[in-house]
Amino acid sequence: MLFHRTQAAALAQLDREGPEAAVEEISRGLARFRELFERVGAEGQFGEEEMVGQLVELQETIRQHYEVGRTLAEQLADAVASEQYELAAKLRDEMARRHRRP
């Protein structure tokens, strides 16, 4: 059910908000899958799960077809990890601005 929900939500986001939003929706779905695997003590099997692979493939297909690079959320995570806090703040503000638009 999580697979189908993620897939449907990503395709809806692709239609409503565009390819970057679809990629981010798949990332959120993959994070939920990872949490589920961790809860049941099967972290090592996450990468081997066929549905996870299909979501990753869908994400990469969207990236390639629509020429989507790193999403703002991915760039933000990278900036925080590398302690580039000014860049992180700018990315955070841009994400907030995009979410506010009608």
N, C-alpha and C. Protein backbone atom coordinates (compact mmCIF):
# COMPACT_ATOMS: atom_id res chain seq x y z
N MET A 1 0.82 -1.18 0.00
CA MET A 1 0.00 0.00 0.00
C MET A 1 0.87 1.27 0.00
N LEU A 2 1.97 1.25 0.74
CA LEU A 2 2.87 2.40 0.79
C LEU A 2 3.45 2.69 -0.59
N PHE A 3 3.78 1.62 -1.31
CA PHE A 3 4.31 1.79 -2.66
C PHE A 3 3.31 2.51 -3.55
N HIS A 4 2.07 2.02 -3.57
CA HIS A 4 1.05 2.60 -4.45
C HIS A 4 0.70 4.02 -4.03
N ARG A 5 0.68 4.28 -2.74
CA ARG A 5 0.40 5.62 -2.25
C ARG A 5 1.49 6.59 -2.70
N THR A 6 2.74 6.16 -2.57
CA THR A 6 3.87 7.01 -2.97
C THR A 6 3.85 7.26 -4.48
N GLN A 7 3.63 6.22 -5.23
CA GLN A 7 3.59 6.33 -6.68
C GLN A 7 2.46 7.28 -7.12
N ALA A 8 1.28 7.10 -6.57
CA ALA A 8 0.14 7.95 -6.92
C ALA A 8 0.38 9.41 -6.51
N ALA A 9 0.92 9.61 -5.31
CA ALA A 9 1.19 10.96 -4.83
C ALA A 9 2.23 11.64 -5.71
N ALA A 10 3.25 10.90 -6.13
CA ALA A 10 4.29 11.48 -6.99
C ALA A 10 3.71 11.89 -8.33
N LEU A 11 2.87 11.05 -8.90
CA LEU A 11 2.28 11.38 -10.20
C LEU A 11 1.32 12.56 -10.08
N ALA A 12 0.61 12.64 -8.96
CA ALA A 12 -0.27 13.79 -8.73
C ALA A 12 0.56 15.07 -8.59
N GLN A 13 1.67 14.98 -7.86
CA GLN A 13 2.56 16.14 -7.71
C GLN A 13 3.15 16.55 -9.06
N LEU A 14 3.50 15.58 -9.87
CA LEU A 14 4.03 15.87 -11.20
C LEU A 14 3.03 16.70 -11.99
N ASP A 15 1.77 16.34 -11.89
CA ASP A 15 0.71 17.05 -12.61
C ASP A 15 0.44 18.43 -12.01
N ARG A 16 0.40 18.51 -10.67
CA ARG A 16 0.02 19.77 -10.00
C ARG A 16 1.17 20.75 -9.84
N GLU A 17 2.30 20.26 -9.36
CA GLU A 17 3.40 21.16 -8.97
C GLU A 17 4.64 21.05 -9.85
N GLY A 18 4.77 19.96 -10.60
CA GLY A 18 5.92 19.82 -11.48
C GLY A 18 6.85 18.70 -11.06
N PRO A 19 7.88 18.47 -11.88
CA PRO A 19 8.76 17.32 -11.67
C PRO A 19 9.58 17.37 -10.38
N GLU A 20 10.02 18.54 -9.95
CA GLU A 20 10.81 18.60 -8.71
C GLU A 20 9.97 18.16 -7.52
N ALA A 21 8.71 18.57 -7.50
CA ALA A 21 7.81 18.16 -6.42
C ALA A 21 7.57 16.65 -6.45
N ALA A 22 7.49 16.09 -7.65
CA ALA A 22 7.31 14.64 -7.77
C ALA A 22 8.53 13.89 -7.24
N VAL A 23 9.71 14.38 -7.56
CA VAL A 23 10.95 13.76 -7.06
C VAL A 23 10.99 13.83 -5.54
N GLU A 24 10.61 14.97 -4.98
CA GLU A 24 10.60 15.12 -3.52
C GLU A 24 9.57 14.20 -2.88
N GLU A 25 8.42 14.02 -3.52
CA GLU A 25 7.39 13.11 -2.99
C GLU A 25 7.92 11.68 -2.95
N ILE A 26 8.63 11.27 -3.97
CA ILE A 26 9.22 9.93 -3.98
C ILE A 26 10.26 9.82 -2.87
N SER A 27 11.05 10.86 -2.67
CA SER A 27 12.04 10.84 -1.58
C SER A 27 11.35 10.66 -0.23
N ARG A 28 10.23 11.35 -0.03
CA ARG A 28 9.48 11.18 1.23
C ARG A 28 8.95 9.76 1.36
N GLY A 29 8.47 9.20 0.27
CA GLY A 29 7.98 7.82 0.30
C GLY A 29 9.10 6.83 0.60
N LEU A 30 10.26 7.05 0.02
CA LEU A 30 11.41 6.18 0.29
C LEU A 30 11.84 6.29 1.75
N ALA A 31 11.75 7.49 2.31
CA ALA A 31 12.08 7.67 3.73
C ALA A 31 11.10 6.90 4.61
N ARG A 32 9.82 6.90 4.23
CA ARG A 32 8.82 6.13 4.99
C ARG A 32 9.11 4.64 4.88
N PHE A 33 9.49 4.18 3.69
CA PHE A 33 9.87 2.78 3.52
C PHE A 33 11.05 2.43 4.43
N ARG A 34 12.07 3.30 4.45
CA ARG A 34 13.25 3.05 5.27
C ARG A 34 12.86 2.97 6.75
N GLU A 35 12.01 3.87 7.20
CA GLU A 35 11.54 3.85 8.60
C GLU A 35 10.83 2.54 8.91
N LEU A 36 10.02 2.07 7.98
CA LEU A 36 9.30 0.81 8.17
C LEU A 36 10.28 -0.35 8.30
N PHE A 37 11.27 -0.40 7.43
CA PHE A 37 12.27 -1.46 7.48
C PHE A 37 13.05 -1.40 8.80
N GLU A 38 13.37 -0.20 9.25
CA GLU A 38 14.09 -0.05 10.52
C GLU A 38 13.24 -0.51 11.69
N ARG A 39 11.95 -0.20 11.66
CA ARG A 39 11.04 -0.60 12.75
C ARG A 39 10.96 -2.11 12.92
N VAL A 40 11.05 -2.83 11.81
CA VAL A 40 10.94 -4.29 11.89
C VAL A 40 12.31 -4.96 11.90
N GLY A 41 13.37 -4.17 12.01
CA GLY A 41 14.72 -4.72 12.12
C GLY A 41 15.25 -5.31 10.82
N ALA A 42 14.82 -4.77 9.70
CA ALA A 42 15.24 -5.31 8.40
C ALA A 42 15.96 -4.25 7.57
N GLU A 43 16.75 -3.39 8.22
CA GLU A 43 17.43 -2.30 7.52
C GLU A 43 18.24 -2.80 6.34
N GLY A 44 18.89 -3.94 6.50
CA GLY A 44 19.75 -4.47 5.46
C GLY A 44 19.02 -4.90 4.20
N GLN A 45 17.73 -5.10 4.30
CA GLN A 45 16.95 -5.55 3.15
C GLN A 45 16.33 -4.39 2.38
N PHE A 46 16.45 -3.19 2.89
CA PHE A 46 15.83 -2.02 2.26
C PHE A 46 16.24 -1.90 0.79
N GLY A 47 17.52 -1.94 0.52
CA GLY A 47 18.02 -1.77 -0.84
C GLY A 47 17.68 -2.91 -1.77
N GLU A 48 17.30 -4.04 -1.21
CA GLU A 48 16.97 -5.21 -2.02
C GLU A 48 15.48 -5.31 -2.34
N GLU A 49 14.67 -4.50 -1.68
CA GLU A 49 13.22 -4.56 -1.87
C GLU A 49 12.84 -4.09 -3.28
N GLU A 50 12.09 -4.90 -3.99
CA GLU A 50 11.72 -4.60 -5.38
C GLU A 50 10.94 -3.29 -5.50
N MET A 51 10.01 -3.05 -4.59
CA MET A 51 9.21 -1.83 -4.66
C MET A 51 10.07 -0.59 -4.43
N VAL A 52 11.06 -0.69 -3.57
CA VAL A 52 11.99 0.42 -3.35
C VAL A 52 12.73 0.69 -4.65
N GLY A 53 13.20 -0.36 -5.29
CA GLY A 53 13.89 -0.22 -6.57
C GLY A 53 13.03 0.43 -7.64
N GLN A 54 11.75 0.07 -7.65
CA GLN A 54 10.84 0.66 -8.64
C GLN A 54 10.63 2.15 -8.37
N LEU A 55 10.56 2.53 -7.10
CA LEU A 55 10.41 3.96 -6.78
C LEU A 55 11.67 4.74 -7.15
N VAL A 56 12.83 4.17 -6.88
CA VAL A 56 14.09 4.82 -7.25
C VAL A 56 14.16 4.97 -8.77
N GLU A 57 13.74 3.93 -9.48
CA GLU A 57 13.74 3.98 -10.94
C GLU A 57 12.78 5.06 -11.45
N LEU A 58 11.59 5.15 -10.86
CA LEU A 58 10.63 6.19 -11.24
C LEU A 58 11.22 7.57 -10.99
N GLN A 59 11.87 7.73 -9.85
CA GLN A 59 12.48 9.01 -9.50
C GLN A 59 13.55 9.39 -10.53
N GLU A 60 14.39 8.44 -10.88
CA GLU A 60 15.45 8.72 -11.86
C GLU A 60 14.88 8.99 -13.25
N THR A 61 13.81 8.29 -13.60
CA THR A 61 13.16 8.54 -14.89
C THR A 61 12.62 9.96 -14.95
N ILE A 62 11.98 10.40 -13.89
CA ILE A 62 11.46 11.78 -13.84
C ILE A 62 12.61 12.77 -13.92
N ARG A 63 13.68 12.51 -13.16
CA ARG A 63 14.85 13.40 -13.19
C ARG A 63 15.38 13.55 -14.62
N GLN A 64 15.55 12.41 -15.29
CA GLN A 64 16.13 12.44 -16.64
C GLN A 64 15.18 13.07 -17.65
N HIS A 65 13.93 12.65 -17.62
CA HIS A 65 12.96 13.13 -18.61
C HIS A 65 12.73 14.64 -18.51
N TYR A 66 12.67 15.14 -17.27
CA TYR A 66 12.39 16.56 -17.05
C TYR A 66 13.64 17.36 -16.71
N GLU A 67 14.80 16.72 -16.79
CA GLU A 67 16.09 17.36 -16.51
C GLU A 67 16.09 18.03 -15.14
N VAL A 68 15.71 17.26 -14.13
CA VAL A 68 15.69 17.75 -12.74
C VAL A 68 17.00 17.35 -12.08
N GLY A 69 17.73 18.33 -11.60
CA GLY A 69 18.95 18.05 -10.85
C GLY A 69 18.62 17.80 -9.39
N ARG A 70 19.48 18.25 -8.52
CA ARG A 70 19.24 18.10 -7.08
C ARG A 70 18.08 19.02 -6.69
N THR A 71 17.13 18.48 -5.95
CA THR A 71 16.01 19.30 -5.50
C THR A 71 16.48 20.27 -4.42
N LEU A 72 15.65 21.26 -4.14
CA LEU A 72 16.00 22.21 -3.07
C LEU A 72 16.20 21.49 -1.74
N ALA A 73 15.35 20.51 -1.46
CA ALA A 73 15.48 19.76 -0.21
C ALA A 73 16.80 19.00 -0.16
N GLU A 74 17.21 18.42 -1.27
CA GLU A 74 18.49 17.71 -1.33
C GLU A 74 19.66 18.69 -1.18
N GLN A 75 19.56 19.84 -1.84
CA GLN A 75 20.60 20.86 -1.71
C GLN A 75 20.69 21.38 -0.28
N LEU A 76 19.54 21.55 0.36
CA LEU A 76 19.51 22.00 1.75
C LEU A 76 20.19 20.99 2.66
N ALA A 77 19.88 19.72 2.48
CA ALA A 77 20.52 18.68 3.30
C ALA A 77 22.03 18.69 3.09
N ASP A 78 22.47 18.85 1.84
CA ASP A 78 23.90 18.92 1.55
C ASP A 78 24.55 20.13 2.21
N ALA A 79 23.88 21.28 2.15
CA ALA A 79 24.42 22.51 2.73
C ALA A 79 24.56 22.38 4.24
N VAL A 80 23.57 21.81 4.89
CA VAL A 80 23.64 21.63 6.34
C VAL A 80 24.75 20.64 6.69
N ALA A 81 24.83 19.54 5.93
CA ALA A 81 25.86 18.53 6.20
C ALA A 81 27.27 19.11 6.06
N SER A 82 27.43 20.05 5.13
CA SER A 82 28.76 20.65 4.93
C SER A 82 28.92 21.97 5.67
N GLU A 83 27.98 22.25 6.58
CA GLU A 83 28.02 23.43 7.45
C GLU A 83 28.03 24.74 6.67
N GLN A 84 27.35 24.78 5.55
CA GLN A 84 27.20 26.01 4.77
C GLN A 84 25.86 26.63 5.15
N TYR A 85 25.84 27.25 6.31
CA TYR A 85 24.57 27.68 6.90
C TYR A 85 23.92 28.86 6.18
N GLU A 86 24.71 29.75 5.60
CA GLU A 86 24.12 30.86 4.84
C GLU A 86 23.39 30.32 3.61
N LEU A 87 24.03 29.39 2.91
CA LEU A 87 23.39 28.76 1.76
C LEU A 87 22.15 28.00 2.21
N ALA A 88 22.25 27.30 3.33
CA ALA A 88 21.11 26.55 3.85
C ALA A 88 19.93 27.48 4.14
N ALA A 89 20.21 28.63 4.70
CA ALA A 89 19.14 29.59 5.01
C ALA A 89 18.48 30.09 3.72
N LYS A 90 19.28 30.36 2.70
CA LYS A 90 18.72 30.81 1.42
C LYS A 90 17.85 29.73 0.79
N LEU A 91 18.33 28.50 0.85
CA LEU A 91 17.55 27.39 0.29
C LEU A 91 16.25 27.18 1.07
N ARG A 92 16.34 27.28 2.38
CA ARG A 92 15.15 27.15 3.23
C ARG A 92 14.12 28.22 2.88
N ASP A 93 14.60 29.46 2.71
CA ASP A 93 13.70 30.56 2.37
C ASP A 93 13.06 30.35 1.00
N GLU A 94 13.83 29.85 0.06
CA GLU A 94 13.28 29.58 -1.28
C GLU A 94 12.24 28.47 -1.22
N MET A 95 12.48 27.45 -0.41
CA MET A 95 11.49 26.38 -0.25
C MET A 95 10.21 26.94 0.34
N ALA A 96 10.33 27.79 1.34
CA ALA A 96 9.15 28.39 1.97
C ALA A 96 8.39 29.27 0.98
N ARG A 97 9.13 30.02 0.18
CA ARG A 97 8.50 30.88 -0.82
C ARG A 97 7.71 30.05 -1.83
N ARG A 98 8.28 28.95 -2.26
CA ARG A 98 7.59 28.09 -3.24
C ARG A 98 6.34 27.45 -2.65
N HIS A 99 6.38 27.12 -1.37
CA HIS A 99 5.22 26.49 -0.73
C HIS A 99 4.10 27.49 -0.50
N ARG A 100 4.43 28.77 -0.41
CA ARG A 100 3.42 29.81 -0.18
C ARG A 100 2.70 30.22 -1.45
N ARG A 101 3.31 29.99 -2.58
CA ARG A 101 2.72 30.50 -3.82
C ARG A 101 1.40 29.77 -4.09
N PRO A 102 0.45 30.51 -4.70
CA PRO A 102 -0.90 29.95 -4.94
C PRO A 102 -0.93 28.83 -5.94
